[in-house]
Amino acid sequence: MKASKEMQNRALSHKQVTVHFNTECVDATGNNKGFLSGLNLRDTSSGEARKLAVKGMFYGIGHTPNSGFFASQVETDGEGYVVV
């Protein structure tokens, strides 16, 4: 996971969030009304394909922390996040 530690903890501890590690979404499928109804997934370790029925999804594309101007003043971790 490449999110900040705080965001990782929030996602992993949320009872309505399922995190799928080593998985990529190959395709999203819809029902006859045009609404999202499923995902075609691929395990990035084994290559195994599977389908997952869903009603919604959150797709995180990542970002770079905007903390560079603090680098000489505060401690940052290897990802560039300010250590608190």
PDB file of N, CA and C in Angstrom:
ATOM      1  N   MET A   1       0.837  -1.170   0.000  1.00  0.00           N
ATOM      2  CA  MET A   1       0.000   0.000   0.000  1.00  0.00           C
ATOM      3  C   MET A   1       0.884   1.235   0.000  1.00  0.00           C
ATOM      4  N   LYS A   2       0.525   2.208  -0.798  1.00  0.00           N
ATOM      5  CA  LYS A   2       1.360   3.401  -0.891  1.00  0.00           C
ATOM      6  C   LYS A   2       0.715   4.623  -0.250  1.00  0.00           C
ATOM      7  N   ALA A   3      -0.376   4.433   0.434  1.00  0.00           N
ATOM      8  CA  ALA A   3      -1.021   5.558   1.118  1.00  0.00           C
ATOM      9  C   ALA A   3      -0.226   5.904   2.370  1.00  0.00           C
ATOM     10  N   SER A   4      -0.507   7.072   2.929  1.00  0.00           N
ATOM     11  CA  SER A   4       0.123   7.433   4.197  1.00  0.00           C
ATOM     12  C   SER A   4      -0.293   6.403   5.250  1.00  0.00           C
ATOM     13  N   LYS A   5       0.510   6.266   6.283  1.00  0.00           N
ATOM     14  CA  LYS A   5       0.222   5.293   7.342  1.00  0.00           C
ATOM     15  C   LYS A   5      -1.165   5.531   7.938  1.00  0.00           C
ATOM     16  N   GLU A   6      -1.517   6.789   8.136  1.00  0.00           N
ATOM     17  CA  GLU A   6      -2.830   7.118   8.695  1.00  0.00           C
ATOM     18  C   GLU A   6      -3.956   6.651   7.775  1.00  0.00           C
ATOM     19  N   MET A   7      -3.813   6.903   6.482  1.00  0.00           N
ATOM     20  CA  MET A   7      -4.859   6.478   5.534  1.00  0.00           C
ATOM     21  C   MET A   7      -4.911   4.953   5.435  1.00  0.00           C
ATOM     22  N   GLN A   8      -3.774   4.285   5.505  1.00  0.00           N
ATOM     23  CA  GLN A   8      -3.755   2.825   5.519  1.00  0.00           C
ATOM     24  C   GLN A   8      -4.534   2.302   6.718  1.00  0.00           C
ATOM     25  N   ASN A   9      -4.238   2.851   7.882  1.00  0.00           N
ATOM     26  CA  ASN A   9      -4.915   2.408   9.105  1.00  0.00           C
ATOM     27  C   ASN A   9      -6.413   2.634   9.022  1.00  0.00           C
ATOM     28  N   ARG A  10      -6.811   3.791   8.487  1.00  0.00           N
ATOM     29  CA  ARG A  10      -8.241   4.089   8.381  1.00  0.00           C
ATOM     30  C   ARG A  10      -8.944   3.100   7.448  1.00  0.00           C
ATOM     31  N   ALA A  11      -8.332   2.821   6.305  1.00  0.00           N
ATOM     32  CA  ALA A  11      -8.946   1.897   5.341  1.00  0.00           C
ATOM     33  C   ALA A  11      -8.975   0.475   5.900  1.00  0.00           C
ATOM     34  N   LEU A  12      -7.866   0.030   6.463  1.00  0.00           N
ATOM     35  CA  LEU A  12      -7.786  -1.346   6.960  1.00  0.00           C
ATOM     36  C   LEU A  12      -8.691  -1.599   8.158  1.00  0.00           C
ATOM     37  N   SER A  13      -8.988  -0.576   8.945  1.00  0.00           N
ATOM     38  CA  SER A  13      -9.820  -0.774  10.134  1.00  0.00           C
ATOM     39  C   SER A  13     -11.302  -0.496   9.879  1.00  0.00           C
ATOM     40  N   HIS A  14     -11.643   0.016   8.709  1.00  0.00           N
ATOM     41  CA  HIS A  14     -13.047   0.339   8.416  1.00  0.00           C
ATOM     42  C   HIS A  14     -13.817  -0.932   8.099  1.00  0.00           C
ATOM     43  N   LYS A  15     -14.929  -1.151   8.788  1.00  0.00           N
ATOM     44  CA  LYS A  15     -15.675  -2.407   8.643  1.00  0.00           C
ATOM     45  C   LYS A  15     -16.342  -2.550   7.271  1.00  0.00           C
ATOM     46  N   GLN A  16     -16.520  -1.471   6.534  1.00  0.00           N
ATOM     47  CA  GLN A  16     -17.166  -1.563   5.229  1.00  0.00           C
ATOM     48  C   GLN A  16     -16.183  -1.444   4.058  1.00  0.00           C
ATOM     49  N   VAL A  17     -14.890  -1.557   4.346  1.00  0.00           N
ATOM     50  CA  VAL A  17     -13.870  -1.473   3.296  1.00  0.00           C
ATOM     51  C   VAL A  17     -13.123  -2.793   3.234  1.00  0.00           C
ATOM     52  N   THR A  18     -13.001  -3.351   2.043  1.00  0.00           N
ATOM     53  CA  THR A  18     -12.193  -4.539   1.812  1.00  0.00           C
ATOM     54  C   THR A  18     -11.030  -4.146   0.923  1.00  0.00           C
ATOM     55  N   VAL A  19      -9.824  -4.365   1.398  1.00  0.00           N
ATOM     56  CA  VAL A  19      -8.626  -4.057   0.625  1.00  0.00           C
ATOM     57  C   VAL A  19      -8.167  -5.344  -0.058  1.00  0.00           C
ATOM     58  N   HIS A  20      -7.951  -5.273  -1.353  1.00  0.00           N
ATOM     59  CA  HIS A  20      -7.490  -6.426  -2.123  1.00  0.00           C
ATOM     60  C   HIS A  20      -6.028  -6.202  -2.486  1.00  0.00           C
ATOM     61  N   PHE A  21      -5.131  -6.869  -1.770  1.00  0.00           N
ATOM     62  CA  PHE A  21      -3.702  -6.721  -2.017  1.00  0.00           C
ATOM     63  C   PHE A  21      -3.297  -7.506  -3.258  1.00  0.00           C
ATOM     64  N   ASN A  22      -2.216  -7.073  -3.901  1.00  0.00           N
ATOM     65  CA  ASN A  22      -1.667  -7.754  -5.083  1.00  0.00           C
ATOM     66  C   ASN A  22      -2.738  -8.003  -6.127  1.00  0.00           C
ATOM     67  N   THR A  23      -3.575  -7.009  -6.342  1.00  0.00           N
ATOM     68  CA  THR A  23      -4.707  -7.154  -7.252  1.00  0.00           C
ATOM     69  C   THR A  23      -4.820  -5.932  -8.139  1.00  0.00           C
ATOM     70  N   GLU A  24      -5.103  -6.178  -9.414  1.00  0.00           N
ATOM     71  CA  GLU A  24      -5.378  -5.065 -10.313  1.00  0.00           C
ATOM     72  C   GLU A  24      -6.743  -5.258 -10.939  1.00  0.00           C
ATOM     73  N   CYS A  25      -7.406  -4.147 -11.188  1.00  0.00           N
ATOM     74  CA  CYS A  25      -8.704  -4.166 -11.846  1.00  0.00           C
ATOM     75  C   CYS A  25      -8.453  -4.152 -13.348  1.00  0.00           C
ATOM     76  N   VAL A  26      -8.907  -5.210 -14.022  1.00  0.00           N
ATOM     77  CA  VAL A  26      -8.719  -5.335 -15.462  1.00  0.00           C
ATOM     78  C   VAL A  26      -9.864  -4.662 -16.211  1.00  0.00           C
ATOM     79  N   ASP A  27     -11.070  -4.766 -15.648  1.00  0.00           N
ATOM     80  CA  ASP A  27     -12.242  -4.206 -16.315  1.00  0.00           C
ATOM     81  C   ASP A  27     -13.360  -4.011 -15.298  1.00  0.00           C
ATOM     82  N   ALA A  28     -14.219  -3.059 -15.558  1.00  0.00           N
ATOM     83  CA  ALA A  28     -15.421  -2.841 -14.757  1.00  0.00           C
ATOM     84  C   ALA A  28     -16.609  -3.188 -15.633  1.00  0.00           C
ATOM     85  N   THR A  29     -17.591  -3.861 -15.058  1.00  0.00           N
ATOM     86  CA  THR A  29     -18.775  -4.267 -15.818  1.00  0.00           C
ATOM     87  C   THR A  29     -20.020  -3.623 -15.237  1.00  0.00           C
ATOM     88  N   GLY A  30     -21.016  -3.460 -16.080  1.00  0.00           N
ATOM     89  CA  GLY A  30     -22.261  -2.833 -15.650  1.00  0.00           C
ATOM     90  C   GLY A  30     -23.456  -3.742 -15.859  1.00  0.00           C
ATOM     91  N   ASN A  31     -24.551  -3.350 -15.251  1.00  0.00           N
ATOM     92  CA  ASN A  31     -25.790  -4.112 -15.432  1.00  0.00           C
ATOM     93  C   ASN A  31     -26.572  -3.523 -16.606  1.00  0.00           C
ATOM     94  N   ASN A  32     -27.791  -4.034 -16.837  1.00  0.00           N
ATOM     95  CA  ASN A  32     -28.584  -3.578 -17.990  1.00  0.00           C
ATOM     96  C   ASN A  32     -29.089  -2.139 -17.839  1.00  0.00           C
ATOM     97  N   LYS A  33     -28.923  -1.556 -16.665  1.00  0.00           N
ATOM     98  CA  LYS A  33     -29.295  -0.146 -16.448  1.00  0.00           C
ATOM     99  C   LYS A  33     -28.086   0.772 -16.568  1.00  0.00           C
ATOM    100  N   GLY A  34     -26.900   0.205 -16.833  1.00  0.00           N
ATOM    101  CA  GLY A  34     -25.698   1.001 -16.985  1.00  0.00           C
ATOM    102  C   GLY A  34     -24.970   1.314 -15.691  1.00  0.00           C
ATOM    103  N   PHE A  35     -25.379   0.686 -14.594  1.00  0.00           N
ATOM    104  CA  PHE A  35     -24.721   0.908 -13.309  1.00  0.00           C
ATOM    105  C   PHE A  35     -23.623  -0.114 -13.083  1.00  0.00           C
ATOM    106  N   LEU A  36     -22.584   0.283 -12.373  1.00  0.00           N
ATOM    107  CA  LEU A  36     -21.503  -0.622 -12.025  1.00  0.00           C
ATOM    108  C   LEU A  36     -22.058  -1.823 -11.279  1.00  0.00           C
ATOM    109  N   SER A  37     -21.664  -3.034 -11.710  1.00  0.00           N
ATOM    110  CA  SER A  37     -22.145  -4.230 -11.031  1.00  0.00           C
ATOM    111  C   SER A  37     -21.035  -5.227 -10.724  1.00  0.00           C
ATOM    112  N   GLY A  38     -19.880  -5.069 -11.343  1.00  0.00           N
ATOM    113  CA  GLY A  38     -18.814  -6.022 -11.073  1.00  0.00           C
ATOM    114  C   GLY A  38     -17.465  -5.556 -11.580  1.00  0.00           C
ATOM    115  N   LEU A  39     -16.435  -6.229 -11.091  1.00  0.00           N
ATOM    116  CA  LEU A  39     -15.063  -5.956 -11.513  1.00  0.00           C
ATOM    117  C   LEU A  39     -14.404  -7.259 -11.931  1.00  0.00           C
ATOM    118  N   ASN A  40     -13.639  -7.207 -12.994  1.00  0.00           N
ATOM    119  CA  ASN A  40     -12.790  -8.321 -13.379  1.00  0.00           C
ATOM    120  C   ASN A  40     -11.411  -8.017 -12.820  1.00  0.00           C
ATOM    121  N   LEU A  41     -10.942  -8.886 -11.928  1.00  0.00           N
ATOM    122  CA  LEU A  41      -9.693  -8.653 -11.211  1.00  0.00           C
ATOM    123  C   LEU A  41      -8.635  -9.670 -11.628  1.00  0.00           C
ATOM    124  N   ARG A  42      -7.374  -9.278 -11.445  1.00  0.00           N
ATOM    125  CA  ARG A  42      -6.259 -10.188 -11.706  1.00  0.00           C
ATOM    126  C   ARG A  42      -5.289 -10.105 -10.552  1.00  0.00           C
ATOM    127  N   ASP A  43      -4.906 -11.279 -10.026  1.00  0.00           N
ATOM    128  CA  ASP A  43      -3.904 -11.362  -8.967  1.00  0.00           C
ATOM    129  C   ASP A  43      -2.541 -11.103  -9.602  1.00  0.00           C
ATOM    130  N   THR A  44      -1.836 -10.074  -9.138  1.00  0.00           N
ATOM    131  CA  THR A  44      -0.567  -9.704  -9.758  1.00  0.00           C
ATOM    132  C   THR A  44       0.564 -10.660  -9.402  1.00  0.00           C
ATOM    133  N   SER A  45       0.362 -11.511  -8.414  1.00  0.00           N
ATOM    134  CA  SER A  45       1.381 -12.501  -8.052  1.00  0.00           C
ATOM    135  C   SER A  45       1.224 -13.788  -8.847  1.00  0.00           C
ATOM    136  N   SER A  46      -0.004 -14.278  -8.934  1.00  0.00           N
ATOM    137  CA  SER A  46      -0.249 -15.575  -9.583  1.00  0.00           C
ATOM    138  C   SER A  46      -0.810 -15.453 -10.994  1.00  0.00           C
ATOM    139  N   GLY A  47      -1.363 -14.280 -11.331  1.00  0.00           N
ATOM    140  CA  GLY A  47      -2.002 -14.109 -12.636  1.00  0.00           C
ATOM    141  C   GLY A  47      -3.435 -14.607 -12.675  1.00  0.00           C
ATOM    142  N   GLU A  48      -3.914 -15.172 -11.560  1.00  0.00           N
ATOM    143  CA  GLU A  48      -5.268 -15.715 -11.497  1.00  0.00           C
ATOM    144  C   GLU A  48      -6.305 -14.609 -11.699  1.00  0.00           C
ATOM    145  N   ALA A  49      -7.303 -14.910 -12.561  1.00  0.00           N
ATOM    146  CA  ALA A  49      -8.388 -13.956 -12.819  1.00  0.00           C
ATOM    147  C   ALA A  49      -9.602 -14.344 -11.974  1.00  0.00           C
ATOM    148  N   ARG A  50     -10.341 -13.324 -11.533  1.00  0.00           N
ATOM    149  CA  ARG A  50     -11.581 -13.578 -10.788  1.00  0.00           C
ATOM    150  C   ARG A  50     -12.533 -12.416 -10.996  1.00  0.00           C
ATOM    151  N   LYS A  51     -13.794 -12.662 -10.705  1.00  0.00           N
ATOM    152  CA  LYS A  51     -14.821 -11.628 -10.808  1.00  0.00           C
ATOM    153  C   LYS A  51     -15.299 -11.291  -9.404  1.00  0.00           C
ATOM    154  N   LEU A  52     -15.637 -10.036  -9.225  1.00  0.00           N
ATOM    155  CA  LEU A  52     -16.115  -9.576  -7.926  1.00  0.00           C
ATOM    156  C   LEU A  52     -17.356  -8.727  -8.156  1.00  0.00           C
ATOM    157  N   ALA A  53     -18.482  -9.137  -7.584  1.00  0.00           N
ATOM    158  CA  ALA A  53     -19.711  -8.351  -7.669  1.00  0.00           C
ATOM    159  C   ALA A  53     -19.580  -7.155  -6.729  1.00  0.00           C
ATOM    160  N   VAL A  54     -19.888  -5.958  -7.220  1.00  0.00           N
ATOM    161  CA  VAL A  54     -19.772  -4.742  -6.415  1.00  0.00           C
ATOM    162  C   VAL A  54     -20.940  -3.804  -6.704  1.00  0.00           C
ATOM    163  N   LYS A  55     -21.152  -2.884  -5.796  1.00  0.00           N
ATOM    164  CA  LYS A  55     -22.125  -1.812  -5.989  1.00  0.00           C
ATOM    165  C   LYS A  55     -21.424  -0.465  -6.101  1.00  0.00           C
ATOM    166  N   GLY A  56     -20.134  -0.453  -5.823  1.00  0.00           N
ATOM    167  CA  GLY A  56     -19.353   0.772  -5.898  1.00  0.00           C
ATOM    168  C   GLY A  56     -17.897   0.451  -5.680  1.00  0.00           C
ATOM    169  N   MET A  57     -17.040   1.416  -5.962  1.00  0.00           N
ATOM    170  CA  MET A  57     -15.619   1.203  -5.732  1.00  0.00           C
ATOM    171  C   MET A  57     -14.928   2.537  -5.546  1.00  0.00           C
ATOM    172  N   PHE A  58     -13.821   2.499  -4.808  1.00  0.00           N
ATOM    173  CA  PHE A  58     -12.932   3.638  -4.669  1.00  0.00           C
ATOM    174  C   PHE A  58     -11.629   3.235  -5.320  1.00  0.00           C
ATOM    175  N   TYR A  59     -11.174   4.015  -6.254  1.00  0.00           N
ATOM    176  CA  TYR A  59      -9.946   3.698  -6.970  1.00  0.00           C
ATOM    177  C   TYR A  59      -8.924   4.779  -6.675  1.00  0.00           C
ATOM    178  N   GLY A  60      -7.910   4.442  -5.902  1.00  0.00           N
ATOM    179  CA  GLY A  60      -6.880   5.404  -5.542  1.00  0.00           C
ATOM    180  C   GLY A  60      -5.750   5.396  -6.553  1.00  0.00           C
ATOM    181  N   ILE A  61      -5.429   6.555  -7.097  1.00  0.00           N
ATOM    182  CA  ILE A  61      -4.370   6.635  -8.090  1.00  0.00           C
ATOM    183  C   ILE A  61      -3.063   7.129  -7.503  1.00  0.00           C
ATOM    184  N   GLY A  62      -3.089   7.507  -6.256  1.00  0.00           N
ATOM    185  CA  GLY A  62      -1.872   7.953  -5.596  1.00  0.00           C
ATOM    186  C   GLY A  62      -1.590   9.432  -5.797  1.00  0.00           C
ATOM    187  N   HIS A  63      -0.633   9.898  -5.050  1.00  0.00           N
ATOM    188  CA  HIS A  63      -0.226  11.283  -5.147  1.00  0.00           C
ATOM    189  C   HIS A  63       1.146  11.451  -4.507  1.00  0.00           C
ATOM    190  N   THR A  64       1.734  12.579  -4.721  1.00  0.00           N
ATOM    191  CA  THR A  64       3.017  12.912  -4.117  1.00  0.00           C
ATOM    192  C   THR A  64       2.774  13.970  -3.058  1.00  0.00           C
ATOM    193  N   PRO A  65       3.231  13.734  -1.830  1.00  0.00           N
ATOM    194  CA  PRO A  65       3.022  14.728  -0.784  1.00  0.00           C
ATOM    195  C   PRO A  65       3.685  16.056  -1.140  1.00  0.00           C
ATOM    196  N   ASN A  66       3.025  17.129  -0.816  1.00  0.00           N
ATOM    197  CA  ASN A  66       3.539  18.469  -1.109  1.00  0.00           C
ATOM    198  C   ASN A  66       4.290  18.987   0.116  1.00  0.00           C
ATOM    199  N   SER A  67       5.382  18.307   0.464  1.00  0.00           N
ATOM    200  CA  SER A  67       6.111  18.672   1.676  1.00  0.00           C
ATOM    201  C   SER A  67       7.561  19.057   1.404  1.00  0.00           C
ATOM    202  N   GLY A  68       7.938  19.166   0.147  1.00  0.00           N
ATOM    203  CA  GLY A  68       9.324  19.459  -0.213  1.00  0.00           C
ATOM    204  C   GLY A  68       9.873  20.726   0.403  1.00  0.00           C
ATOM    205  N   PHE A  69       9.034  21.757   0.522  1.00  0.00           N
ATOM    206  CA  PHE A  69       9.509  23.018   1.070  1.00  0.00           C
ATOM    207  C   PHE A  69       9.787  22.935   2.570  1.00  0.00           C
ATOM    208  N   PHE A  70       9.352  21.842   3.229  1.00  0.00           N
ATOM    209  CA  PHE A  70       9.627  21.622   4.650  1.00  0.00           C
ATOM    210  C   PHE A  70      10.870  20.767   4.880  1.00  0.00           C
ATOM    211  N   ALA A  71      11.428  20.207   3.829  1.00  0.00           N
ATOM    212  CA  ALA A  71      12.484  19.190   3.947  1.00  0.00           C
ATOM    213  C   ALA A  71      13.637  19.592   4.846  1.00  0.00           C
ATOM    214  N   SER A  72      14.033  20.843   4.833  1.00  0.00           N
ATOM    215  CA  SER A  72      15.164  21.262   5.665  1.00  0.00           C
ATOM    216  C   SER A  72      14.740  21.642   7.086  1.00  0.00           C
ATOM    217  N   GLN A  73      13.420  21.635   7.349  1.00  0.00           N
ATOM    218  CA  GLN A  73      12.933  22.093   8.648  1.00  0.00           C
ATOM    219  C   GLN A  73      12.316  20.989   9.498  1.00  0.00           C
ATOM    220  N   VAL A  74      11.762  19.964   8.869  1.00  0.00           N
ATOM    221  CA  VAL A  74      11.120  18.879   9.616  1.00  0.00           C
ATOM    222  C   VAL A  74      11.539  17.534   9.029  1.00  0.00           C
ATOM    223  N   GLU A  75      11.349  16.493   9.806  1.00  0.00           N
ATOM    224  CA  GLU A  75      11.682  15.140   9.362  1.00  0.00           C
ATOM    225  C   GLU A  75      10.584  14.602   8.439  1.00  0.00           C
ATOM    226  N   THR A  76      10.987  13.992   7.333  1.00  0.00           N
ATOM    227  CA  THR A  76      10.040  13.335   6.435  1.00  0.00           C
ATOM    228  C   THR A  76      10.438  11.870   6.287  1.00  0.00           C
ATOM    229  N   ASP A  77       9.445  11.033   5.956  1.00  0.00           N
ATOM    230  CA  ASP A  77       9.743   9.609   5.759  1.00  0.00           C
ATOM    231  C   ASP A  77      10.209   9.369   4.323  1.00  0.00           C
ATOM    232  N   GLY A  78      10.449   8.128   3.980  1.00  0.00           N
ATOM    233  CA  GLY A  78      10.950   7.774   2.664  1.00  0.00           C
ATOM    234  C   GLY A  78      10.022   8.131   1.520  1.00  0.00           C
ATOM    235  N   GLU A  79       8.739   8.312   1.809  1.00  0.00           N
ATOM    236  CA  GLU A  79       7.752   8.673   0.794  1.00  0.00           C
ATOM    237  C   GLU A  79       7.576  10.189   0.677  1.00  0.00           C
ATOM    238  N   GLY A  80       8.177  10.953   1.610  1.00  0.00           N
ATOM    239  CA  GLY A  80       8.045  12.392   1.586  1.00  0.00           C
ATOM    240  C   GLY A  80       6.983  12.948   2.510  1.00  0.00           C
ATOM    241  N   TYR A  81       6.342  12.079   3.313  1.00  0.00           N
ATOM    242  CA  TYR A  81       5.343  12.535   4.274  1.00  0.00           C
ATOM    243  C   TYR A  81       6.022  13.063   5.525  1.00  0.00           C
ATOM    244  N   VAL A  82       5.470  14.117   6.123  1.00  0.00           N
ATOM    245  CA  VAL A  82       6.020  14.677   7.358  1.00  0.00           C
ATOM    246  C   VAL A  82       5.785  13.697   8.497  1.00  0.00           C
ATOM    247  N   VAL A  83       6.848  13.410   9.242  1.00  0.00           N
ATOM    248  CA  VAL A  83       6.767  12.502  10.396  1.00  0.00           C
ATOM    249  C   VAL A  83       6.237  13.293  11.572  1.00  0.00           C
ATOM    250  N   VAL A  84       5.160  12.766  12.215  1.00  0.00           N
ATOM    251  CA  VAL A  84       4.585  13.442  13.379  1.00  0.00           C
ATOM    252  C   VAL A  84       4.712  12.579  14.612  1.00  0.00           C
TER     253      VAL A  84
END
